[in-house]
PDB file of all heavy atoms in Angstrom:
ATOM      1  N   ALA A   1     -27.727 -64.328  30.134  1.00  0.00           N
ATOM      2  CA  ALA A   1     -28.301 -62.990  30.269  1.00  0.00           C
ATOM      3  C   ALA A   1     -29.716 -63.119  30.805  1.00  0.00           C
ATOM      4  O   ALA A   1     -30.381 -64.147  30.634  1.00  0.00           O
ATOM      5  CB  ALA A   1     -28.295 -62.258  28.932  1.00  0.00           C
ATOM      6  N   GLY A   2     -30.175 -62.085  31.472  1.00  0.00           N
ATOM      7  CA  GLY A   2     -31.535 -62.050  31.993  1.00  0.00           C
ATOM      8  C   GLY A   2     -31.997 -60.609  32.081  1.00  0.00           C
ATOM      9  O   GLY A   2     -31.301 -59.689  31.614  1.00  0.00           O
ATOM     10  N   LEU A   3     -33.132 -60.401  32.673  1.00  0.00           N
ATOM     11  CA  LEU A   3     -33.722 -59.064  32.720  1.00  0.00           C
ATOM     12  C   LEU A   3     -33.864 -58.564  34.150  1.00  0.00           C
ATOM     13  O   LEU A   3     -34.305 -59.301  35.039  1.00  0.00           O
ATOM     14  CB  LEU A   3     -35.104 -59.064  32.054  1.00  0.00           C
ATOM     15  CG  LEU A   3     -35.147 -59.463  30.581  1.00  0.00           C
ATOM     16  CD1 LEU A   3     -36.589 -59.513  30.109  1.00  0.00           C
ATOM     17  CD2 LEU A   3     -34.319 -58.517  29.728  1.00  0.00           C
ATOM     18  N   TYR A   4     -33.466 -57.320  34.360  1.00  0.00           N
ATOM     19  CA  TYR A   4     -33.800 -56.597  35.577  1.00  0.00           C
ATOM     20  C   TYR A   4     -35.093 -55.836  35.307  1.00  0.00           C
ATOM     21  O   TYR A   4     -35.332 -55.394  34.175  1.00  0.00           O
ATOM     22  CB  TYR A   4     -32.713 -55.571  35.921  1.00  0.00           C
ATOM     23  CG  TYR A   4     -31.512 -56.114  36.638  1.00  0.00           C
ATOM     24  CD1 TYR A   4     -31.300 -57.468  36.814  1.00  0.00           C
ATOM     25  CD2 TYR A   4     -30.545 -55.240  37.138  1.00  0.00           C
ATOM     26  CE1 TYR A   4     -30.176 -57.945  37.471  1.00  0.00           C
ATOM     27  CE2 TYR A   4     -29.425 -55.702  37.798  1.00  0.00           C
ATOM     28  CZ  TYR A   4     -29.231 -57.055  37.966  1.00  0.00           C
ATOM     29  OH  TYR A   4     -28.131 -57.514  38.609  1.00  0.00           O
ATOM     30  N   GLU A   5     -35.918 -55.656  36.345  1.00  0.00           N
ATOM     31  CA  GLU A   5     -37.081 -54.771  36.217  1.00  0.00           C
ATOM     32  C   GLU A   5     -36.714 -53.488  36.946  1.00  0.00           C
ATOM     33  O   GLU A   5     -36.585 -53.452  38.168  1.00  0.00           O
ATOM     34  CB  GLU A   5     -38.354 -55.451  36.726  1.00  0.00           C
ATOM     35  CG  GLU A   5     -38.635 -55.436  38.197  1.00  0.00           C
ATOM     36  CD  GLU A   5     -37.745 -56.347  39.039  1.00  0.00           C
ATOM     37  OE1 GLU A   5     -36.635 -56.713  38.612  1.00  0.00           O
ATOM     38  OE2 GLU A   5     -38.156 -56.670  40.157  1.00  0.00           O
ATOM     39  N   VAL A   6     -36.479 -52.423  36.173  1.00  0.00           N
ATOM     40  CA  VAL A   6     -35.795 -51.233  36.671  1.00  0.00           C
ATOM     41  C   VAL A   6     -36.730 -50.033  36.772  1.00  0.00           C
ATOM     42  O   VAL A   6     -37.503 -49.757  35.849  1.00  0.00           O
ATOM     43  CB  VAL A   6     -34.606 -50.890  35.753  1.00  0.00           C
ATOM     44  CG1 VAL A   6     -33.868 -49.652  36.252  1.00  0.00           C
ATOM     45  CG2 VAL A   6     -33.646 -52.071  35.668  1.00  0.00           C
ATOM     46  N   THR A   7     -36.641 -49.329  37.890  1.00  0.00           N
ATOM     47  CA  THR A   7     -37.362 -48.071  38.074  1.00  0.00           C
ATOM     48  C   THR A   7     -36.399 -46.908  37.853  1.00  0.00           C
ATOM     49  O   THR A   7     -35.181 -47.105  37.817  1.00  0.00           O
ATOM     50  CB  THR A   7     -37.933 -47.977  39.504  1.00  0.00           C
ATOM     51  OG1 THR A   7     -36.842 -48.006  40.441  1.00  0.00           O
ATOM     52  CG2 THR A   7     -38.880 -49.123  39.793  1.00  0.00           C
ATOM     53  N   PRO A   8     -36.910 -45.686  37.709  1.00  0.00           N
ATOM     54  CA  PRO A   8     -36.017 -44.543  37.463  1.00  0.00           C
ATOM     55  C   PRO A   8     -34.943 -44.320  38.517  1.00  0.00           C
ATOM     56  O   PRO A   8     -33.868 -43.803  38.211  1.00  0.00           O
ATOM     57  CB  PRO A   8     -36.992 -43.357  37.405  1.00  0.00           C
ATOM     58  CG  PRO A   8     -38.253 -43.950  36.876  1.00  0.00           C
ATOM     59  CD  PRO A   8     -38.327 -45.312  37.532  1.00  0.00           C
ATOM     60  N   ASP A   9     -35.206 -44.708  39.767  1.00  0.00           N
ATOM     61  CA  ASP A   9     -34.184 -44.514  40.806  1.00  0.00           C
ATOM     62  C   ASP A   9     -33.638 -45.830  41.352  1.00  0.00           C
ATOM     63  O   ASP A   9     -32.924 -45.837  42.345  1.00  0.00           O
ATOM     64  CB  ASP A   9     -34.725 -43.650  41.953  1.00  0.00           C
ATOM     65  CG  ASP A   9     -35.840 -44.327  42.736  1.00  0.00           C
ATOM     66  OD1 ASP A   9     -36.258 -45.437  42.345  1.00  0.00           O
ATOM     67  OD2 ASP A   9     -36.308 -43.735  43.729  1.00  0.00           O
ATOM     68  N   ALA A  10     -33.986 -46.947  40.695  1.00  0.00           N
ATOM     69  CA  ALA A  10     -33.485 -48.275  41.066  1.00  0.00           C
ATOM     70  C   ALA A  10     -33.956 -48.736  42.445  1.00  0.00           C
ATOM     71  O   ALA A  10     -33.371 -49.632  43.038  1.00  0.00           O
ATOM     72  CB  ALA A  10     -31.963 -48.333  40.989  1.00  0.00           C
ATOM     73  N   HIS A  11     -35.018 -48.138  42.948  1.00  0.00           N
ATOM     74  CA  HIS A  11     -35.635 -48.586  44.190  1.00  0.00           C
ATOM     75  C   HIS A  11     -37.003 -49.171  43.876  1.00  0.00           C
ATOM     76  O   HIS A  11     -37.659 -48.759  42.913  1.00  0.00           O
ATOM     77  CB  HIS A  11     -35.780 -47.433  45.188  1.00  0.00           C
ATOM     78  CG  HIS A  11     -34.479 -47.001  45.787  1.00  0.00           C
ATOM     79  ND1 HIS A  11     -33.787 -47.771  46.687  1.00  0.00           N
ATOM     80  CD2 HIS A  11     -33.737 -45.887  45.614  1.00  0.00           C
ATOM     81  CE1 HIS A  11     -32.685 -47.149  47.049  1.00  0.00           C
ATOM     82  NE2 HIS A  11     -32.626 -46.005  46.397  1.00  0.00           N
ATOM     83  N   PRO A  12     -37.461 -50.126  44.698  1.00  0.00           N
ATOM     84  CA  PRO A  12     -38.738 -50.786  44.403  1.00  0.00           C
ATOM     85  C   PRO A  12     -39.950 -49.889  44.634  1.00  0.00           C
ATOM     86  O   PRO A  12     -39.852 -48.815  45.235  1.00  0.00           O
ATOM     87  CB  PRO A  12     -38.743 -51.972  45.367  1.00  0.00           C
ATOM     88  CG  PRO A  12     -37.881 -51.541  46.499  1.00  0.00           C
ATOM     89  CD  PRO A  12     -36.801 -50.704  45.879  1.00  0.00           C
ATOM     90  N   ILE A  13     -41.086 -50.356  44.146  1.00  0.00           N
ATOM     91  CA  ILE A  13     -42.369 -49.692  44.345  1.00  0.00           C
ATOM     92  C   ILE A  13     -43.224 -50.596  45.228  1.00  0.00           C
ATOM     93  O   ILE A  13     -43.416 -51.769  44.922  1.00  0.00           O
ATOM     94  CB  ILE A  13     -43.092 -49.455  43.009  1.00  0.00           C
ATOM     95  CG1 ILE A  13     -42.203 -48.674  42.036  1.00  0.00           C
ATOM     96  CG2 ILE A  13     -44.400 -48.703  43.241  1.00  0.00           C
ATOM     97  CD1 ILE A  13     -42.768 -48.623  40.624  1.00  0.00           C
ATOM     98  N   TYR A  14     -43.717 -50.028  46.321  1.00  0.00           N
ATOM     99  CA  TYR A  14     -44.588 -50.769  47.235  1.00  0.00           C
ATOM    100  C   TYR A  14     -45.916 -50.028  47.384  1.00  0.00           C
ATOM    101  O   TYR A  14     -45.932 -48.802  47.427  1.00  0.00           O
ATOM    102  CB  TYR A  14     -43.979 -50.854  48.643  1.00  0.00           C
ATOM    103  CG  TYR A  14     -42.734 -51.684  48.790  1.00  0.00           C
ATOM    104  CD1 TYR A  14     -41.488 -51.082  48.874  1.00  0.00           C
ATOM    105  CD2 TYR A  14     -42.809 -53.072  48.913  1.00  0.00           C
ATOM    106  CE1 TYR A  14     -40.336 -51.837  49.055  1.00  0.00           C
ATOM    107  CE2 TYR A  14     -41.663 -53.831  49.105  1.00  0.00           C
ATOM    108  CZ  TYR A  14     -40.431 -53.208  49.167  1.00  0.00           C
ATOM    109  OH  TYR A  14     -39.297 -53.958  49.350  1.00  0.00           O
ATOM    110  N   GLY A  15     -46.999 -50.779  47.520  1.00  0.00           N
ATOM    111  CA  GLY A  15     -48.233 -50.159  47.956  1.00  0.00           C
ATOM    112  C   GLY A  15     -49.388 -50.228  46.993  1.00  0.00           C
ATOM    113  O   GLY A  15     -49.377 -50.944  45.998  1.00  0.00           O
ATOM    114  N   ALA A  16     -50.400 -49.422  47.300  1.00  0.00           N
ATOM    115  CA  ALA A  16     -51.663 -49.447  46.587  1.00  0.00           C
ATOM    116  C   ALA A  16     -51.619 -48.598  45.325  1.00  0.00           C
ATOM    117  O   ALA A  16     -50.711 -47.785  45.117  1.00  0.00           O
ATOM    118  CB  ALA A  16     -52.773 -48.945  47.503  1.00  0.00           C
ATOM    119  N   THR A  17     -52.616 -48.809  44.476  1.00  0.00           N
ATOM    120  CA  THR A  17     -52.824 -48.013  43.271  1.00  0.00           C
ATOM    121  C   THR A  17     -54.259 -47.486  43.307  1.00  0.00           C
ATOM    122  O   THR A  17     -55.006 -47.727  44.257  1.00  0.00           O
ATOM    123  CB  THR A  17     -52.638 -48.862  42.005  1.00  0.00           C
ATOM    124  OG1 THR A  17     -53.703 -49.823  41.930  1.00  0.00           O
ATOM    125  CG2 THR A  17     -51.298 -49.590  42.027  1.00  0.00           C
ATOM    126  N   ASP A  18     -54.638 -46.768  42.255  1.00  0.00           N
ATOM    127  CA  ASP A  18     -56.017 -46.260  42.183  1.00  0.00           C
ATOM    128  C   ASP A  18     -57.028 -47.366  41.898  1.00  0.00           C
ATOM    129  O   ASP A  18     -58.236 -47.139  41.993  1.00  0.00           O
ATOM    130  CB  ASP A  18     -56.114 -45.182  41.094  1.00  0.00           C
ATOM    131  CG  ASP A  18     -55.366 -43.908  41.477  1.00  0.00           C
ATOM    132  OD1 ASP A  18     -55.183 -43.685  42.691  1.00  0.00           O
ATOM    133  OD2 ASP A  18     -54.978 -43.152  40.572  1.00  0.00           O
ATOM    134  N   VAL A  19     -56.526 -48.543  41.504  1.00  0.00           N
ATOM    135  CA  VAL A  19     -57.410 -49.681  41.257  1.00  0.00           C
ATOM    136  C   VAL A  19     -57.549 -50.485  42.546  1.00  0.00           C
ATOM    137  O   VAL A  19     -56.550 -50.994  43.071  1.00  0.00           O
ATOM    138  CB  VAL A  19     -56.865 -50.575  40.124  1.00  0.00           C
ATOM    139  CG1 VAL A  19     -57.776 -51.782  39.924  1.00  0.00           C
ATOM    140  CG2 VAL A  19     -56.728 -49.778  38.834  1.00  0.00           C
ATOM    141  N   LYS A  20     -58.760 -50.586  43.065  1.00  0.00           N
ATOM    142  CA  LYS A  20     -58.982 -51.273  44.329  1.00  0.00           C
ATOM    143  C   LYS A  20     -58.481 -52.714  44.272  1.00  0.00           C
ATOM    144  O   LYS A  20     -58.791 -53.468  43.355  1.00  0.00           O
ATOM    145  CB  LYS A  20     -60.473 -51.263  44.673  1.00  0.00           C
ATOM    146  CG  LYS A  20     -60.782 -51.879  46.038  1.00  0.00           C
ATOM    147  CD  LYS A  20     -62.268 -51.796  46.363  1.00  0.00           C
ATOM    148  CE  LYS A  20     -62.563 -52.416  47.719  1.00  0.00           C
ATOM    149  NZ  LYS A  20     -64.015 -52.349  48.066  1.00  0.00           N
ATOM    150  N   GLY A  21     -57.661 -53.085  45.240  1.00  0.00           N
ATOM    151  CA  GLY A  21     -57.144 -54.438  45.324  1.00  0.00           C
ATOM    152  C   GLY A  21     -55.918 -54.710  44.482  1.00  0.00           C
ATOM    153  O   GLY A  21     -55.347 -55.803  44.556  1.00  0.00           O
ATOM    154  N   PHE A  22     -55.488 -53.719  43.680  1.00  0.00           N
ATOM    155  CA  PHE A  22     -54.300 -53.889  42.829  1.00  0.00           C
ATOM    156  C   PHE A  22     -53.106 -53.262  43.546  1.00  0.00           C
ATOM    157  O   PHE A  22     -52.938 -52.048  43.566  1.00  0.00           O
ATOM    158  CB  PHE A  22     -54.519 -53.232  41.471  1.00  0.00           C
ATOM    159  CG  PHE A  22     -53.386 -53.425  40.498  1.00  0.00           C
ATOM    160  CD1 PHE A  22     -52.679 -54.617  40.438  1.00  0.00           C
ATOM    161  CD2 PHE A  22     -53.019 -52.398  39.628  1.00  0.00           C
ATOM    162  CE1 PHE A  22     -51.638 -54.792  39.540  1.00  0.00           C
ATOM    163  CE2 PHE A  22     -51.975 -52.554  38.721  1.00  0.00           C
ATOM    164  CZ  PHE A  22     -51.288 -53.754  38.683  1.00  0.00           C
ATOM    165  N   LEU A  23     -52.296 -54.110  44.170  1.00  0.00           N
ATOM    166  CA  LEU A  23     -51.155 -53.658  44.967  1.00  0.00           C
ATOM    167  C   LEU A  23     -49.861 -53.929  44.222  1.00  0.00           C
ATOM    168  O   LEU A  23     -49.766 -54.861  43.428  1.00  0.00           O
ATOM    169  CB  LEU A  23     -51.136 -54.379  46.313  1.00  0.00           C
ATOM    170  CG  LEU A  23     -52.427 -54.316  47.134  1.00  0.00           C
ATOM    171  CD1 LEU A  23     -52.279 -55.124  48.415  1.00  0.00           C
ATOM    172  CD2 LEU A  23     -52.814 -52.877  47.432  1.00  0.00           C
ATOM    173  N   LEU A  24     -48.846 -53.118  44.504  1.00  0.00           N
ATOM    174  CA  LEU A  24     -47.565 -53.229  43.815  1.00  0.00           C
ATOM    175  C   LEU A  24     -46.440 -53.632  44.762  1.00  0.00           C
ATOM    176  O   LEU A  24     -46.349 -53.149  45.894  1.00  0.00           O
ATOM    177  CB  LEU A  24     -47.198 -51.894  43.157  1.00  0.00           C
ATOM    178  CG  LEU A  24     -48.156 -51.359  42.095  1.00  0.00           C
ATOM    179  CD1 LEU A  24     -47.651 -50.012  41.570  1.00  0.00           C
ATOM    180  CD2 LEU A  24     -48.308 -52.348  40.954  1.00  0.00           C
ATOM    181  N   CYS A  25     -45.619 -54.526  44.280  1.00  0.00           N
ATOM    182  CA  CYS A  25     -44.366 -54.906  44.941  1.00  0.00           C
ATOM    183  C   CYS A  25     -43.440 -55.291  43.793  1.00  0.00           C
ATOM    184  O   CYS A  25     -43.336 -56.461  43.415  1.00  0.00           O
ATOM    185  CB  CYS A  25     -44.602 -56.060  45.905  1.00  0.00           C
ATOM    186  SG  CYS A  25     -43.127 -56.629  46.768  1.00  0.00           S
ATOM    187  N   THR A  26     -42.767 -54.308  43.217  1.00  0.00           N
ATOM    188  CA  THR A  26     -42.065 -54.535  41.957  1.00  0.00           C
ATOM    189  C   THR A  26     -40.927 -53.529  41.791  1.00  0.00           C
ATOM    190  O   THR A  26     -40.761 -52.623  42.600  1.00  0.00           O
ATOM    191  CB  THR A  26     -43.051 -54.405  40.768  1.00  0.00           C
ATOM    192  OG1 THR A  26     -42.388 -54.767  39.565  1.00  0.00           O
ATOM    193  CG2 THR A  26     -43.579 -52.980  40.630  1.00  0.00           C
ATOM    194  N   GLY A  27     -40.143 -53.720  40.735  1.00  0.00           N
ATOM    195  CA  GLY A  27     -39.100 -52.759  40.387  1.00  0.00           C
ATOM    196  C   GLY A  27     -37.856 -52.840  41.247  1.00  0.00           C
ATOM    197  O   GLY A  27     -37.237 -51.811  41.550  1.00  0.00           O
ATOM    198  N   PHE A  28     -37.426 -54.041  41.597  1.00  0.00           N
ATOM    199  CA  PHE A  28     -36.301 -54.163  42.525  1.00  0.00           C
ATOM    200  C   PHE A  28     -34.941 -53.932  41.878  1.00  0.00           C
ATOM    201  O   PHE A  28     -33.920 -53.895  42.562  1.00  0.00           O
ATOM    202  CB  PHE A  28     -36.345 -55.533  43.211  1.00  0.00           C
ATOM    203  CG  PHE A  28     -37.463 -55.647  44.200  1.00  0.00           C
ATOM    204  CD1 PHE A  28     -38.711 -56.113  43.801  1.00  0.00           C
ATOM    205  CD2 PHE A  28     -37.290 -55.262  45.507  1.00  0.00           C
ATOM    206  CE1 PHE A  28     -39.752 -56.202  44.702  1.00  0.00           C
ATOM    207  CE2 PHE A  28     -38.324 -55.347  46.423  1.00  0.00           C
ATOM    208  CZ  PHE A  28     -39.566 -55.813  46.016  1.00  0.00           C
ATOM    209  N   SER A  29     -34.908 -53.826  40.583  1.00  0.00           N
ATOM    210  CA  SER A  29     -33.689 -53.400  39.881  1.00  0.00           C
ATOM    211  C   SER A  29     -32.468 -54.250  40.226  1.00  0.00           C
ATOM    212  O   SER A  29     -31.360 -53.733  40.389  1.00  0.00           O
ATOM    213  CB  SER A  29     -33.417 -51.918  40.169  1.00  0.00           C
ATOM    214  OG  SER A  29     -34.549 -51.129  39.866  1.00  0.00           O
ATOM    215  N   GLY A  30     -32.687 -55.556  40.341  1.00  0.00           N
ATOM    216  CA  GLY A  30     -31.568 -56.456  40.600  1.00  0.00           C
ATOM    217  C   GLY A  30     -31.398 -56.872  42.044  1.00  0.00           C
ATOM    218  O   GLY A  30     -30.514 -57.660  42.370  1.00  0.00           O
ATOM    219  N   HIS A  31     -32.256 -56.359  42.947  1.00  0.00           N
ATOM    220  CA  HIS A  31     -32.107 -56.668  44.373  1.00  0.00           C
ATOM    221  C   HIS A  31     -33.297 -57.455  44.927  1.00  0.00           C
ATOM    222  O   HIS A  31     -33.486 -57.528  46.139  1.00  0.00           O
ATOM    223  CB  HIS A  31     -31.931 -55.374  45.169  1.00  0.00           C
ATOM    224  CG  HIS A  31     -30.730 -54.591  44.769  1.00  0.00           C
ATOM    225  ND1 HIS A  31     -29.448 -54.969  45.102  1.00  0.00           N
ATOM    226  CD2 HIS A  31     -30.601 -53.471  44.018  1.00  0.00           C
ATOM    227  CE1 HIS A  31     -28.587 -54.103  44.597  1.00  0.00           C
ATOM    228  NE2 HIS A  31     -29.268 -53.198  43.930  1.00  0.00           N
ATOM    229  N   GLY A  32     -34.099 -58.034  44.043  1.00  0.00           N
ATOM    230  CA  GLY A  32     -35.305 -58.719  44.487  1.00  0.00           C
ATOM    231  C   GLY A  32     -35.050 -59.910  45.387  1.00  0.00           C
ATOM    232  O   GLY A  32     -35.763 -60.118  46.372  1.00  0.00           O
ATOM    233  N   PHE A  33     -34.042 -60.711  45.072  1.00  0.00           N
ATOM    234  CA  PHE A  33     -33.739 -61.879  45.905  1.00  0.00           C
ATOM    235  C   PHE A  33     -33.318 -61.426  47.303  1.00  0.00           C
ATOM    236  O   PHE A  33     -33.720 -62.009  48.315  1.00  0.00           O
ATOM    237  CB  PHE A  33     -32.632 -62.701  45.254  1.00  0.00           C
ATOM    238  CG  PHE A  33     -32.366 -64.010  45.940  1.00  0.00           C
ATOM    239  CD1 PHE A  33     -33.141 -65.124  45.658  1.00  0.00           C
ATOM    240  CD2 PHE A  33     -31.345 -64.134  46.872  1.00  0.00           C
ATOM    241  CE1 PHE A  33     -32.913 -66.338  46.310  1.00  0.00           C
ATOM    242  CE2 PHE A  33     -31.100 -65.333  47.517  1.00  0.00           C
ATOM    243  CZ  PHE A  33     -31.895 -66.439  47.232  1.00  0.00           C
TER     244      PHE A  33
END
């Protein structure tokens, strides 16, 4: 067994946040590879 990192719609999150330099590439819900 292992863990998926899941978002509400099972699609990833890309891009910037309100914190300067803190970028997101996460939430692939099983499709990261």
